[in-house]
Amino acid sequence: MAGLGGSLERSIMDVLWAAPGPLRIRELLSKLNENADKTLAYNTVQTVAERLAQKGLLQRTQDGIAFRYSPTRAREEYAVELMLDALTETSDHGAILARFAESVPAEDARHLLDALRRRASDEGET
């Protein structure tokens, strides 16, 4: 799976994940420049949005002579895909999962444990 290559790619995805719907480049540019130290150019944002579409992270839909861009998956789905990809980098999944569980804050560990218990319970019922 293609990852986010730089801070502008991450910023674009963050804006689009937070948006209520697909955005045109001008709308995206406006959001990105709201709190920016350095103003971004239209062509820069358009080029990066196109790159994200080629990576399969954004979809474009025609809107008159322009396009609207939206994420192809929710932020949570993207994060899960990244985590699963990281697991495939070694054959010792147990060690990675254990280290991950030990590294997250206690509240997150409780959420993880609750999800694992629900999954084990659901699988036991089938």
N, C-alpha and C. Protein backbone atom coordinates (compact mmCIF):
# COMPACT_ATOMS: atom_id res chain seq x y z
N MET A 1 0.84 -1.18 0.00
CA MET A 1 0.00 0.00 0.00
C MET A 1 0.88 1.24 0.00
N ALA A 2 0.48 2.25 -0.74
CA ALA A 2 1.24 3.48 -0.80
C ALA A 2 1.05 4.28 0.48
N GLY A 3 2.15 4.78 0.99
CA GLY A 3 2.10 5.60 2.19
C GLY A 3 2.15 7.07 1.85
N LEU A 4 2.04 7.89 2.87
CA LEU A 4 2.12 9.32 2.69
C LEU A 4 3.59 9.71 2.68
N GLY A 5 4.02 10.38 1.61
CA GLY A 5 5.43 10.64 1.40
C GLY A 5 5.97 11.88 2.07
N GLY A 6 5.16 12.82 2.45
CA GLY A 6 5.70 14.04 3.02
C GLY A 6 4.66 14.80 3.82
N SER A 7 5.09 15.91 4.40
CA SER A 7 4.19 16.67 5.26
C SER A 7 3.02 17.27 4.49
N LEU A 8 3.22 17.68 3.23
CA LEU A 8 2.11 18.23 2.47
C LEU A 8 1.09 17.14 2.14
N GLU A 9 1.55 15.94 1.81
CA GLU A 9 0.61 14.84 1.58
C GLU A 9 -0.20 14.58 2.84
N ARG A 10 0.46 14.56 4.00
CA ARG A 10 -0.26 14.33 5.26
C ARG A 10 -1.26 15.46 5.53
N SER A 11 -0.83 16.70 5.27
CA SER A 11 -1.73 17.84 5.51
C SER A 11 -2.95 17.78 4.61
N ILE A 12 -2.75 17.44 3.35
CA ILE A 12 -3.88 17.33 2.41
C ILE A 12 -4.83 16.23 2.89
N MET A 13 -4.29 15.09 3.26
CA MET A 13 -5.16 14.01 3.74
C MET A 13 -5.89 14.42 5.01
N ASP A 14 -5.22 15.10 5.93
CA ASP A 14 -5.87 15.55 7.17
C ASP A 14 -7.05 16.46 6.87
N VAL A 15 -6.86 17.41 5.94
CA VAL A 15 -7.94 18.33 5.58
C VAL A 15 -9.10 17.56 4.95
N LEU A 16 -8.78 16.65 4.04
CA LEU A 16 -9.85 15.91 3.37
C LEU A 16 -10.55 14.93 4.30
N TRP A 17 -9.82 14.32 5.23
CA TRP A 17 -10.48 13.44 6.21
C TRP A 17 -11.43 14.24 7.11
N ALA A 18 -11.09 15.48 7.38
CA ALA A 18 -11.93 16.32 8.25
C ALA A 18 -13.07 16.99 7.51
N ALA A 19 -12.99 17.05 6.19
CA ALA A 19 -14.00 17.74 5.39
C ALA A 19 -15.32 16.96 5.36
N PRO A 20 -16.43 17.67 5.29
CA PRO A 20 -17.73 16.98 5.23
C PRO A 20 -18.00 16.31 3.89
N GLY A 21 -17.21 16.64 2.87
CA GLY A 21 -17.40 16.06 1.54
C GLY A 21 -16.20 16.38 0.67
N PRO A 22 -16.26 15.96 -0.59
CA PRO A 22 -15.15 16.22 -1.51
C PRO A 22 -14.90 17.72 -1.69
N LEU A 23 -13.62 18.08 -1.88
CA LEU A 23 -13.24 19.48 -2.04
C LEU A 23 -12.56 19.71 -3.39
N ARG A 24 -12.78 20.88 -3.95
CA ARG A 24 -12.02 21.33 -5.11
C ARG A 24 -10.64 21.77 -4.61
N ILE A 25 -9.69 21.90 -5.53
CA ILE A 25 -8.34 22.32 -5.16
C ILE A 25 -8.37 23.69 -4.48
N ARG A 26 -9.17 24.61 -4.98
CA ARG A 26 -9.24 25.95 -4.38
C ARG A 26 -9.72 25.88 -2.93
N GLU A 27 -10.70 25.02 -2.66
CA GLU A 27 -11.20 24.87 -1.29
C GLU A 27 -10.13 24.23 -0.41
N LEU A 28 -9.47 23.23 -0.95
CA LEU A 28 -8.40 22.55 -0.23
C LEU A 28 -7.26 23.53 0.05
N LEU A 29 -6.89 24.30 -0.93
CA LEU A 29 -5.82 25.30 -0.80
C LEU A 29 -6.17 26.31 0.29
N SER A 30 -7.40 26.76 0.30
CA SER A 30 -7.84 27.72 1.31
C SER A 30 -7.69 27.16 2.71
N LYS A 31 -8.12 25.92 2.90
CA LYS A 31 -8.00 25.26 4.22
C LYS A 31 -6.53 25.10 4.62
N LEU A 32 -5.71 24.67 3.66
CA LEU A 32 -4.29 24.46 3.95
C LEU A 32 -3.58 25.76 4.30
N ASN A 33 -3.98 26.87 3.68
CA ASN A 33 -3.31 28.15 3.90
C ASN A 33 -3.83 28.92 5.11
N GLU A 34 -4.92 28.43 5.73
CA GLU A 34 -5.51 29.14 6.88
C GLU A 34 -4.48 29.41 7.97
N ASN A 35 -3.72 28.40 8.36
CA ASN A 35 -2.76 28.54 9.46
C ASN A 35 -1.33 28.28 9.03
N ALA A 36 -1.07 28.41 7.74
CA ALA A 36 0.26 28.09 7.21
C ALA A 36 1.24 29.24 7.45
N ASP A 37 2.47 28.87 7.76
CA ASP A 37 3.53 29.87 7.88
C ASP A 37 3.91 30.39 6.49
N LYS A 38 3.90 29.48 5.52
CA LYS A 38 4.25 29.82 4.15
C LYS A 38 3.06 29.45 3.27
N THR A 39 2.58 30.40 2.49
CA THR A 39 1.43 30.17 1.62
C THR A 39 1.78 29.19 0.50
N LEU A 40 0.92 28.22 0.32
CA LEU A 40 1.11 27.23 -0.73
C LEU A 40 0.52 27.72 -2.05
N ALA A 41 1.10 27.30 -3.15
CA ALA A 41 0.61 27.65 -4.48
C ALA A 41 -0.44 26.64 -4.93
N TYR A 42 -1.38 27.10 -5.74
CA TYR A 42 -2.42 26.25 -6.30
C TYR A 42 -1.81 25.04 -7.01
N ASN A 43 -0.84 25.29 -7.88
CA ASN A 43 -0.24 24.20 -8.67
C ASN A 43 0.44 23.16 -7.79
N THR A 44 1.03 23.59 -6.70
CA THR A 44 1.69 22.65 -5.78
C THR A 44 0.66 21.71 -5.17
N VAL A 45 -0.43 22.27 -4.68
CA VAL A 45 -1.48 21.46 -4.05
C VAL A 45 -2.12 20.54 -5.09
N GLN A 46 -2.35 21.05 -6.29
CA GLN A 46 -2.94 20.23 -7.34
C GLN A 46 -2.02 19.06 -7.70
N THR A 47 -0.73 19.32 -7.82
CA THR A 47 0.23 18.26 -8.15
C THR A 47 0.25 17.19 -7.07
N VAL A 48 0.26 17.59 -5.82
CA VAL A 48 0.31 16.62 -4.72
C VAL A 48 -1.00 15.85 -4.62
N ALA A 49 -2.13 16.53 -4.84
CA ALA A 49 -3.43 15.83 -4.82
C ALA A 49 -3.48 14.80 -5.94
N GLU A 50 -2.96 15.13 -7.11
CA GLU A 50 -2.91 14.18 -8.22
C GLU A 50 -2.02 12.98 -7.86
N ARG A 51 -0.91 13.25 -7.22
CA ARG A 51 -0.01 12.16 -6.80
C ARG A 51 -0.73 11.24 -5.80
N LEU A 52 -1.49 11.82 -4.88
CA LEU A 52 -2.25 11.01 -3.92
C LEU A 52 -3.33 10.20 -4.63
N ALA A 53 -3.93 10.76 -5.68
CA ALA A 53 -4.92 10.02 -6.46
C ALA A 53 -4.26 8.85 -7.19
N GLN A 54 -3.06 9.07 -7.74
CA GLN A 54 -2.33 8.00 -8.41
C GLN A 54 -1.93 6.89 -7.44
N LYS A 55 -1.67 7.25 -6.19
CA LYS A 55 -1.33 6.26 -5.16
C LYS A 55 -2.57 5.50 -4.68
N GLY A 56 -3.76 5.97 -5.07
CA GLY A 56 -4.99 5.32 -4.65
C GLY A 56 -5.52 5.82 -3.32
N LEU A 57 -4.98 6.92 -2.82
CA LEU A 57 -5.43 7.46 -1.53
C LEU A 57 -6.56 8.47 -1.69
N LEU A 58 -6.65 9.07 -2.88
CA LEU A 58 -7.73 10.02 -3.17
C LEU A 58 -8.46 9.58 -4.43
N GLN A 59 -9.73 9.94 -4.50
CA GLN A 59 -10.48 9.75 -5.74
C GLN A 59 -10.89 11.14 -6.23
N ARG A 60 -10.93 11.28 -7.55
CA ARG A 60 -11.34 12.53 -8.16
C ARG A 60 -12.68 12.33 -8.82
N THR A 61 -13.54 13.31 -8.67
CA THR A 61 -14.81 13.29 -9.37
C THR A 61 -14.96 14.61 -10.11
N GLN A 62 -15.44 14.53 -11.34
CA GLN A 62 -15.60 15.71 -12.19
C GLN A 62 -16.64 16.63 -11.58
N ASP A 63 -16.34 17.93 -11.57
CA ASP A 63 -17.28 18.95 -11.10
C ASP A 63 -17.13 20.14 -12.03
N GLY A 64 -17.88 20.14 -13.11
CA GLY A 64 -17.71 21.17 -14.14
C GLY A 64 -16.39 20.95 -14.85
N ILE A 65 -15.57 21.98 -14.90
CA ILE A 65 -14.26 21.84 -15.54
C ILE A 65 -13.18 21.47 -14.53
N ALA A 66 -13.56 21.38 -13.26
CA ALA A 66 -12.60 21.06 -12.19
C ALA A 66 -12.90 19.66 -11.64
N PHE A 67 -12.10 19.26 -10.68
CA PHE A 67 -12.31 18.00 -9.98
C PHE A 67 -12.50 18.27 -8.50
N ARG A 68 -13.24 17.38 -7.87
CA ARG A 68 -13.33 17.35 -6.41
C ARG A 68 -12.56 16.12 -5.95
N TYR A 69 -11.89 16.25 -4.83
CA TYR A 69 -11.07 15.17 -4.29
C TYR A 69 -11.62 14.73 -2.94
N SER A 70 -11.58 13.41 -2.72
CA SER A 70 -12.00 12.85 -1.44
C SER A 70 -11.16 11.61 -1.15
N PRO A 71 -10.99 11.29 0.12
CA PRO A 71 -10.21 10.10 0.48
C PRO A 71 -10.92 8.83 0.00
N THR A 72 -10.14 7.83 -0.40
CA THR A 72 -10.71 6.56 -0.82
C THR A 72 -11.04 5.68 0.37
N ARG A 73 -10.49 6.00 1.52
CA ARG A 73 -10.79 5.25 2.74
C ARG A 73 -10.70 6.18 3.94
N ALA A 74 -11.36 5.79 5.01
CA ALA A 74 -11.35 6.59 6.24
C ALA A 74 -9.94 6.56 6.86
N ARG A 75 -9.65 7.58 7.66
CA ARG A 75 -8.36 7.66 8.34
C ARG A 75 -8.07 6.38 9.12
N GLU A 76 -9.08 5.84 9.79
CA GLU A 76 -8.89 4.64 10.60
C GLU A 76 -8.51 3.45 9.72
N GLU A 77 -9.17 3.31 8.58
CA GLU A 77 -8.85 2.21 7.66
C GLU A 77 -7.42 2.35 7.13
N TYR A 78 -7.02 3.57 6.83
CA TYR A 78 -5.66 3.81 6.36
C TYR A 78 -4.64 3.42 7.43
N ALA A 79 -4.90 3.81 8.67
CA ALA A 79 -3.98 3.48 9.77
C ALA A 79 -3.88 1.97 9.96
N VAL A 80 -5.01 1.28 9.87
CA VAL A 80 -5.01 -0.18 10.01
C VAL A 80 -4.17 -0.82 8.91
N GLU A 81 -4.33 -0.33 7.67
CA GLU A 81 -3.55 -0.87 6.56
C GLU A 81 -2.05 -0.67 6.79
N LEU A 82 -1.67 0.50 7.31
CA LEU A 82 -0.26 0.74 7.62
C LEU A 82 0.26 -0.24 8.67
N MET A 83 -0.54 -0.46 9.70
CA MET A 83 -0.13 -1.37 10.77
C MET A 83 -0.02 -2.80 10.25
N LEU A 84 -0.96 -3.22 9.43
CA LEU A 84 -0.90 -4.57 8.87
C LEU A 84 0.28 -4.73 7.93
N ASP A 85 0.58 -3.68 7.15
CA ASP A 85 1.76 -3.72 6.29
C ASP A 85 3.03 -3.86 7.12
N ALA A 86 3.10 -3.15 8.24
CA ALA A 86 4.28 -3.25 9.10
C ALA A 86 4.44 -4.67 9.64
N LEU A 87 3.34 -5.33 9.92
CA LEU A 87 3.40 -6.71 10.42
C LEU A 87 4.01 -7.67 9.40
N THR A 88 3.81 -7.39 8.12
CA THR A 88 4.30 -8.30 7.10
C THR A 88 5.81 -8.21 6.91
N GLU A 89 6.45 -7.23 7.56
CA GLU A 89 7.89 -7.05 7.39
C GLU A 89 8.72 -8.06 8.18
N THR A 90 8.09 -8.84 9.02
CA THR A 90 8.81 -9.87 9.77
C THR A 90 7.90 -11.08 9.96
N SER A 91 8.52 -12.21 10.18
CA SER A 91 7.71 -13.41 10.40
C SER A 91 7.29 -13.55 11.86
N ASP A 92 7.90 -12.80 12.75
CA ASP A 92 7.59 -12.89 14.18
C ASP A 92 6.54 -11.84 14.55
N HIS A 93 5.32 -12.07 14.12
CA HIS A 93 4.25 -11.12 14.39
C HIS A 93 4.00 -10.96 15.88
N GLY A 94 4.14 -12.04 16.63
CA GLY A 94 3.89 -11.99 18.06
C GLY A 94 4.78 -10.98 18.76
N ALA A 95 6.05 -10.95 18.40
CA ALA A 95 6.98 -10.01 19.03
C ALA A 95 6.61 -8.56 18.71
N ILE A 96 6.22 -8.31 17.45
CA ILE A 96 5.83 -6.95 17.08
C ILE A 96 4.55 -6.55 17.80
N LEU A 97 3.57 -7.44 17.83
CA LEU A 97 2.31 -7.12 18.50
C LEU A 97 2.52 -6.90 20.00
N ALA A 98 3.36 -7.72 20.62
CA ALA A 98 3.65 -7.56 22.04
C ALA A 98 4.33 -6.22 22.29
N ARG A 99 5.30 -5.88 21.47
CA ARG A 99 6.01 -4.60 21.63
C ARG A 99 5.06 -3.44 21.42
N PHE A 100 4.17 -3.55 20.44
CA PHE A 100 3.18 -2.51 20.20
C PHE A 100 2.28 -2.34 21.42
N ALA A 101 1.77 -3.44 21.95
CA ALA A 101 0.88 -3.39 23.11
C ALA A 101 1.58 -2.78 24.32
N GLU A 102 2.87 -3.04 24.46
CA GLU A 102 3.64 -2.48 25.59
C GLU A 102 3.95 -1.00 25.38
N SER A 103 3.92 -0.55 24.14
CA SER A 103 4.34 0.82 23.83
C SER A 103 3.20 1.84 23.85
N VAL A 104 1.98 1.40 23.67
CA VAL A 104 0.87 2.35 23.62
C VAL A 104 0.50 2.79 25.03
N PRO A 105 -0.10 3.97 25.16
CA PRO A 105 -0.57 4.42 26.48
C PRO A 105 -1.56 3.43 27.08
N ALA A 106 -1.65 3.42 28.40
CA ALA A 106 -2.49 2.44 29.11
C ALA A 106 -3.94 2.46 28.62
N GLU A 107 -4.50 3.62 28.38
CA GLU A 107 -5.89 3.69 27.93
C GLU A 107 -6.06 3.02 26.56
N ASP A 108 -5.09 3.24 25.67
CA ASP A 108 -5.14 2.59 24.36
C ASP A 108 -4.99 1.08 24.50
N ALA A 109 -4.14 0.65 25.42
CA ALA A 109 -3.97 -0.79 25.66
C ALA A 109 -5.28 -1.41 26.14
N ARG A 110 -6.02 -0.67 26.98
CA ARG A 110 -7.32 -1.18 27.44
C ARG A 110 -8.30 -1.30 26.28
N HIS A 111 -8.30 -0.32 25.38
CA HIS A 111 -9.17 -0.39 24.20
C HIS A 111 -8.80 -1.60 23.34
N LEU A 112 -7.52 -1.82 23.17
CA LEU A 112 -7.04 -2.95 22.39
C LEU A 112 -7.47 -4.27 23.04
N LEU A 113 -7.30 -4.36 24.33
CA LEU A 113 -7.68 -5.57 25.06
C LEU A 113 -9.18 -5.81 24.96
N ASP A 114 -9.97 -4.74 25.09
CA ASP A 114 -11.43 -4.87 24.97
C ASP A 114 -11.81 -5.38 23.57
N ALA A 115 -11.17 -4.83 22.53
CA ALA A 115 -11.47 -5.26 21.16
C ALA A 115 -11.09 -6.72 20.96
N LEU A 116 -9.95 -7.13 21.51
CA LEU A 116 -9.53 -8.53 21.38
C LEU A 116 -10.47 -9.47 22.12
N ARG A 117 -10.95 -9.04 23.28
CA ARG A 117 -11.92 -9.87 24.03
C ARG A 117 -13.22 -10.02 23.25
N ARG A 118 -13.69 -8.91 22.66
CA ARG A 118 -14.93 -8.98 21.86
C ARG A 118 -14.73 -9.92 20.68
N ARG A 119 -13.59 -9.83 20.03
CA ARG A 119 -13.33 -10.68 18.87
C ARG A 119 -13.28 -12.15 19.30
N ALA A 120 -12.60 -12.44 20.40
CA ALA A 120 -12.50 -13.81 20.88
C ALA A 120 -13.88 -14.33 21.27
N SER A 121 -14.70 -13.48 21.86
CA SER A 121 -16.05 -13.86 22.25
C SER A 121 -16.90 -14.14 21.01
N ASP A 122 -16.80 -13.26 20.00
CA ASP A 122 -17.56 -13.44 18.77
C ASP A 122 -17.16 -14.72 18.05
N GLU A 123 -15.87 -15.01 18.01
CA GLU A 123 -15.39 -16.23 17.34
C GLU A 123 -15.80 -17.47 18.11
N GLY A 124 -15.92 -17.36 19.42
CA GLY A 124 -16.34 -18.49 20.23
C GLY A 124 -17.78 -18.85 20.02
N GLU A 125 -18.60 -17.87 19.60
CA GLU A 125 -20.03 -18.09 19.39
C GLU A 125 -20.33 -18.75 18.05
N THR A 126 -19.38 -18.69 17.11
CA THR A 126 -19.66 -19.24 15.79
C THR A 126 -19.36 -20.70 15.69
